[in-house]
Protein backbone atom coordinates (compact mmCIF):
# COMPACT_ATOMS: atom_id res chain seq x y z
CA MET A 1 -16.55 43.17 -25.65
CA ALA A 2 -19.46 46.34 -25.78
CA LYS A 3 -18.86 48.49 -22.65
CA LEU A 4 -21.78 48.58 -20.47
CA PRO A 5 -23.30 52.07 -19.38
CA SER A 6 -22.97 53.66 -16.10
CA ASP A 7 -25.58 54.20 -13.66
CA GLU A 8 -26.19 57.48 -14.98
CA GLU A 9 -26.22 56.43 -18.45
CA LEU A 10 -28.92 53.64 -17.37
CA GLU A 11 -30.76 56.30 -15.74
CA GLN A 12 -30.93 58.25 -18.61
CA LEU A 13 -32.00 54.78 -20.67
CA LEU A 14 -34.68 53.92 -18.48
CA SER A 15 -36.53 57.50 -17.61
CA ASP A 16 -36.53 58.56 -21.48
CA PRO A 17 -39.88 58.80 -22.59
CA GLU A 18 -39.26 57.27 -25.93
CA HIS A 19 -38.90 53.94 -24.07
CA GLN A 20 -41.78 54.32 -21.75
CA HIS A 21 -44.09 51.57 -23.38
CA ASN A 22 -41.17 49.26 -24.27
CA PRO A 23 -42.67 45.73 -22.71
CA LEU A 24 -38.42 45.19 -21.56
CA LEU A 25 -38.25 48.31 -19.72
CA PRO A 26 -39.38 46.49 -15.99
CA LEU A 27 -37.31 43.29 -16.72
CA VAL A 28 -34.06 45.96 -17.83
CA ALA A 29 -35.14 48.35 -14.46
CA ALA A 30 -35.29 45.06 -12.49
CA LEU A 31 -31.98 44.36 -13.66
CA ALA A 32 -30.51 47.20 -12.76
CA GLU A 33 -31.87 47.44 -9.73
CA ARG A 34 -30.14 43.74 -8.64
CA ASN A 35 -27.31 45.31 -10.49
CA ARG A 36 -26.94 48.16 -8.11
CA GLU A 37 -27.29 45.77 -4.85
CA GLN A 38 -24.80 43.25 -5.33
CA ARG A 39 -22.64 45.90 -6.57
CA SER A 40 -22.71 47.44 -3.34
CA ARG A 41 -21.94 44.34 -1.50
CA LEU A 42 -19.25 43.75 -3.78
CA GLU A 43 -17.98 46.70 -2.75
CA ARG A 44 -18.43 46.16 0.77
CA LEU A 45 -16.94 42.45 1.05
CA LEU A 46 -13.57 44.34 -1.38
CA ARG A 47 -13.50 47.30 1.71
CA ILE A 48 -13.74 44.80 4.13
CA SER A 49 -10.76 42.56 2.23
CA ASP A 50 -8.85 45.15 1.27
CA SER A 51 -8.90 47.50 4.55
CA SER A 52 -6.80 50.21 4.49
CA TYR A 53 -4.09 48.21 1.94
CA GLY A 54 -3.77 49.89 -1.45
CA VAL A 55 -6.69 52.34 -0.98
CA ALA A 56 -5.15 54.77 -3.70
CA VAL A 57 -4.60 51.87 -6.18
CA SER A 58 -8.33 51.33 -5.46
CA ARG A 59 -9.65 55.10 -6.46
CA SER A 60 -7.53 54.52 -10.11
CA GLN A 61 -9.44 51.28 -10.54
CA ASP A 62 -12.69 50.21 -11.64
CA LEU A 63 -15.08 47.93 -9.95
CA LEU A 64 -14.03 44.63 -11.79
CA GLN A 65 -10.43 45.46 -11.71
CA GLN A 66 -10.33 45.48 -7.67
CA TYR A 67 -12.33 42.31 -7.48
CA ASP A 68 -9.77 40.89 -9.90
CA ARG A 69 -7.13 42.13 -7.32
CA GLN A 70 -8.80 40.32 -4.84
CA LEU A 71 -8.96 37.15 -6.00
CA LYS A 72 -5.19 37.36 -6.86
CA ARG A 73 -4.57 38.06 -3.25
CA LEU A 74 -7.67 35.52 -1.73
CA ASP A 75 -5.87 32.45 -3.88
CA LYS A 76 -2.32 33.95 -2.72
CA ILE A 77 -3.39 33.33 0.43
CA THR A 78 -5.19 30.35 -0.08
CA ARG A 79 -2.10 28.54 -1.71
CA ILE A 80 0.14 29.87 1.39
CA SER A 81 -2.57 28.53 3.95
CA ASP A 82 -2.55 25.33 1.33
CA ARG A 83 1.68 24.21 2.26
CA TYR A 84 1.61 25.92 6.15
CA GLN A 85 -1.19 23.18 6.48
CA ARG A 86 1.08 20.70 4.97
CA ASN A 87 3.92 21.75 6.67
CA LEU A 88 1.76 21.35 9.93
CA ILE A 89 1.04 18.31 8.89
CA GLU A 90 4.52 16.86 8.06
CA LEU A 91 5.74 18.35 11.47
CA ASN A 92 3.30 16.50 13.71
CA GLU A 93 4.22 13.56 11.67
CA GLN A 94 7.99 13.96 12.97
CA LEU A 95 6.74 14.71 16.49
CA ARG A 96 4.83 11.56 16.53
CA HIS A 97 7.56 9.51 14.80
CA ALA A 98 10.32 11.16 17.48
CA ALA A 99 8.01 10.58 20.15
CA LEU A 100 7.55 6.76 19.51
CA ARG A 101 11.60 6.30 18.71
CA ASP A 102 14.71 5.53 20.63
CA PRO A 103 16.67 8.49 19.88
CA LEU A 104 20.09 6.54 19.86
CA THR A 105 19.10 3.25 18.14
CA GLY A 106 16.48 4.61 15.80
CA LEU A 107 14.82 1.62 17.46
CA ALA A 108 11.12 1.55 18.63
CA ASN A 109 10.89 3.34 22.30
CA ARG A 110 8.60 2.00 25.71
CA ARG A 111 6.02 3.80 24.66
CA GLN A 112 5.81 2.69 21.32
CA LEU A 113 5.96 -1.20 22.67
CA MET A 114 3.31 -0.71 25.27
CA GLU A 115 1.56 0.66 22.47
CA ARG A 116 1.47 -2.18 20.25
CA LEU A 117 1.24 -4.47 22.92
CA GLN A 118 -2.34 -3.22 23.61
CA GLU A 119 -3.26 -3.47 20.12
CA GLU A 120 -1.89 -7.22 20.12
CA ALA A 121 -3.53 -8.20 23.63
CA ALA A 122 -7.03 -6.49 22.28
CA ARG A 123 -6.56 -8.50 18.98
CA CYS A 124 -5.96 -12.14 21.40
CA SER A 125 -8.88 -11.36 23.27
CA ARG A 126 -10.37 -11.66 20.29
CA GLY A 127 -9.80 -15.22 19.78
CA GLN A 128 -6.91 -14.18 17.48
CA PRO A 129 -3.87 -16.45 17.83
CA ALA A 130 -1.13 -15.70 20.67
CA PHE A 131 1.96 -13.26 20.14
CA ALA A 132 5.36 -14.80 21.69
CA LEU A 133 7.17 -11.02 24.10
CA ALA A 134 11.44 -11.43 24.19
CA MET A 135 13.27 -9.49 26.73
CA LEU A 136 17.40 -9.28 25.41
CA ASP A 137 19.90 -7.57 27.86
CA VAL A 138 23.69 -7.08 26.47
CA ASP A 139 26.43 -9.24 28.34
CA HIS A 140 28.79 -7.21 30.34
CA PHE A 141 27.91 -4.50 28.87
CA LYS A 142 29.00 -2.56 31.80
CA ARG A 143 33.13 -3.40 30.93
CA ILE A 144 32.53 -1.92 27.64
CA ASN A 145 31.70 1.32 29.20
CA ASP A 146 34.08 1.08 31.60
CA THR A 147 36.54 0.31 29.44
CA TYR A 148 36.10 1.98 26.35
CA GLY A 149 33.58 5.04 27.36
CA HIS A 150 30.09 5.69 27.01
CA ASP A 151 30.31 7.06 23.31
CA THR A 152 31.76 3.54 22.25
CA GLY A 153 29.34 1.75 24.01
CA ASP A 154 26.73 4.31 22.38
CA THR A 155 28.01 2.97 19.25
CA VAL A 156 28.05 -0.89 20.13
CA LEU A 157 24.42 -0.71 21.64
CA CYS A 158 23.62 0.97 18.00
CA ARG A 159 25.25 -1.49 15.89
CA LEU A 160 23.59 -4.18 18.34
CA ALA A 161 19.86 -2.84 17.80
CA GLU A 162 20.80 -3.05 13.64
CA THR A 163 21.92 -7.04 14.64
CA ILE A 164 19.03 -7.33 16.52
CA SER A 165 16.15 -6.11 14.08
CA THR A 166 17.25 -7.82 11.04
CA PRO A 167 16.38 -11.18 10.70
CA LEU A 168 13.20 -10.03 12.49
CA ARG A 169 9.71 -10.22 9.94
CA SER A 170 8.54 -7.01 8.83
CA GLN A 171 5.10 -7.75 11.39
CA ASP A 172 8.08 -7.75 14.22
CA LEU A 173 9.02 -5.15 15.91
CA CYS A 174 12.24 -4.41 18.32
CA ALA A 175 11.93 -1.62 20.89
CA ARG A 176 14.79 -0.51 23.05
CA TRP A 177 13.51 -1.19 26.68
CA GLY A 178 16.13 0.39 28.50
CA GLY A 179 20.02 0.81 28.91
CA GLU A 180 21.17 -2.22 27.11
CA GLU A 181 17.78 -4.15 27.40
CA PHE A 182 15.45 -4.72 24.21
CA MET A 183 12.26 -6.12 23.86
CA LEU A 184 11.29 -8.19 21.08
CA LEU A 185 7.67 -8.13 20.56
CA LEU A 186 6.37 -11.49 17.65
CA PRO A 187 2.98 -11.29 16.67
CA HIS A 188 0.86 -14.89 16.04
CA THR A 189 4.30 -16.65 16.76
CA GLY A 190 3.63 -19.71 18.94
CA LEU A 191 7.04 -20.82 21.52
CA GLU A 192 8.74 -22.91 19.06
CA GLN A 193 8.54 -20.82 16.06
CA ALA A 194 10.25 -17.65 18.40
CA GLY A 195 12.32 -19.81 19.99
CA ALA A 196 13.95 -20.33 16.72
CA LEU A 197 13.94 -16.93 15.32
CA LEU A 198 15.16 -16.00 18.98
CA ARG A 199 18.51 -18.34 18.26
CA ARG A 200 19.14 -16.80 14.77
CA VAL A 201 19.30 -13.10 16.56
CA ILE A 202 21.76 -15.03 19.46
CA ALA A 203 23.84 -16.15 17.05
CA ALA A 204 23.62 -13.08 14.79
CA VAL A 205 24.97 -11.01 17.96
CA ARG A 206 27.67 -13.75 18.33
CA GLY A 207 29.14 -13.09 15.40
CA LEU A 208 28.84 -9.84 15.14
CA ARG A 209 32.65 -7.95 14.64
CA LEU A 210 33.44 -4.06 15.38
CA ASP A 211 35.71 -2.22 12.78
CA MET A 212 36.80 0.01 15.85
CA LEU A 213 37.08 -2.85 18.51
CA PRO A 214 37.98 -6.48 16.41
CA ASP A 215 38.88 -8.16 19.38
CA LEU A 216 35.43 -7.80 21.08
CA ARG A 217 32.94 -10.72 20.97
CA LEU A 218 29.40 -9.82 22.55
CA THR A 219 27.06 -11.70 23.32
CA VAL A 220 22.95 -11.07 24.36
CA SER A 221 21.05 -13.34 26.64
CA ALA A 222 17.46 -13.61 25.99
CA GLY A 223 14.40 -14.93 27.91
CA LEU A 224 11.06 -15.91 25.75
CA THR A 225 7.60 -16.48 26.47
CA VAL A 226 4.39 -16.48 24.44
CA TYR A 227 1.17 -13.86 26.05
CA ARG A 228 -1.51 -16.43 27.74
CA SER A 229 -5.40 -15.29 27.07
CA GLN A 230 -7.07 -12.62 29.78
CA GLU A 231 -3.61 -12.03 31.69
CA SER A 232 -2.12 -8.60 31.81
CA LEU A 233 0.72 -6.86 29.89
CA GLU A 234 2.59 -6.61 33.32
CA GLU A 235 2.61 -10.47 33.55
CA THR A 236 3.68 -11.54 30.19
CA ILE A 237 6.71 -8.87 30.76
CA ARG A 238 7.58 -10.14 34.02
CA ARG A 239 7.93 -13.94 33.18
CA ALA A 240 10.09 -12.54 30.27
CA ASP A 241 12.30 -10.72 32.47
CA ASN A 242 12.72 -13.75 34.59
CA GLU A 243 13.22 -16.38 32.05
CA LEU A 244 16.27 -13.64 30.94
CA ILE A 245 17.50 -13.81 34.14
CA THR A 246 17.67 -17.21 34.24
CA ALA A 247 19.82 -16.98 31.03
CA LYS A 248 22.06 -14.82 32.70
CA GLN A 249 22.39 -17.09 35.57
CA GLY A 250 22.85 -19.87 33.66
CA GLY A 251 25.78 -19.15 31.97
CA ARG A 252 24.60 -16.15 29.55
CA ASP A 253 24.78 -16.19 25.75
CA ARG A 254 22.10 -18.61 25.87
CA LEU A 255 17.64 -18.19 25.49
CA ASN A 256 15.75 -19.23 28.09
CA MET A 257 12.03 -20.19 27.53
CA ALA A 258 8.97 -20.13 29.63
CA GLU A 259 7.14 -23.57 29.94
CA LEU A 260 3.56 -23.50 28.39
CA PRO A 261 0.83 -24.46 31.09
CA GLU A 262 -0.33 -28.15 30.54
């Protein structure tokens, strides 16, 4: 590649009388002036980006070498920035996941359940099928904590969470409502279909066996209802809770369902 003349050499060529009548002289002079302006801008940009870093190096390098060096630095900074952005996105996703999950069982927490309930209620307001809501409570759970300790109680809750969740469909949501209470949200589900699913859940809990407590028999009681158009979510939850209380009073290890209005 031919070496370009320096500014001094170019000025000498442009001022040489031998070239004064060359028709390309004005064009070359304009290009030379534009080159000086562009180089001046580039030098300012390099001074800003370089700051005090590598001043000694810069003095020993020509403009293109400095420019290439800065491009490499900027490319490195861009890669670091992209990696940082990806880490931030992953961290935000992890924080959101943690904010919506029960730390003990890994189930949805009350916050996520309420978000989903609001979504389902909005969907029903647009004429979509109603959803079923069930509240479950572990029978005599206090005895487990009192007899075996809270660490064992926590282990039992985790196994129960897994057992309750297993029969559910992909669109269903199992949440820990608090303590030993769980809530099941069953979208697009009528009372009878939901009742059949809850009976399978209750039977699964009844058949659960724990290696550490082979003689322990666990049961749950459940109250089930279906969302009614235009009612508040608090009313739906209260009705499920009332049905749960009735199931407890009726002997536990059973399901009680709210009758549909005429």
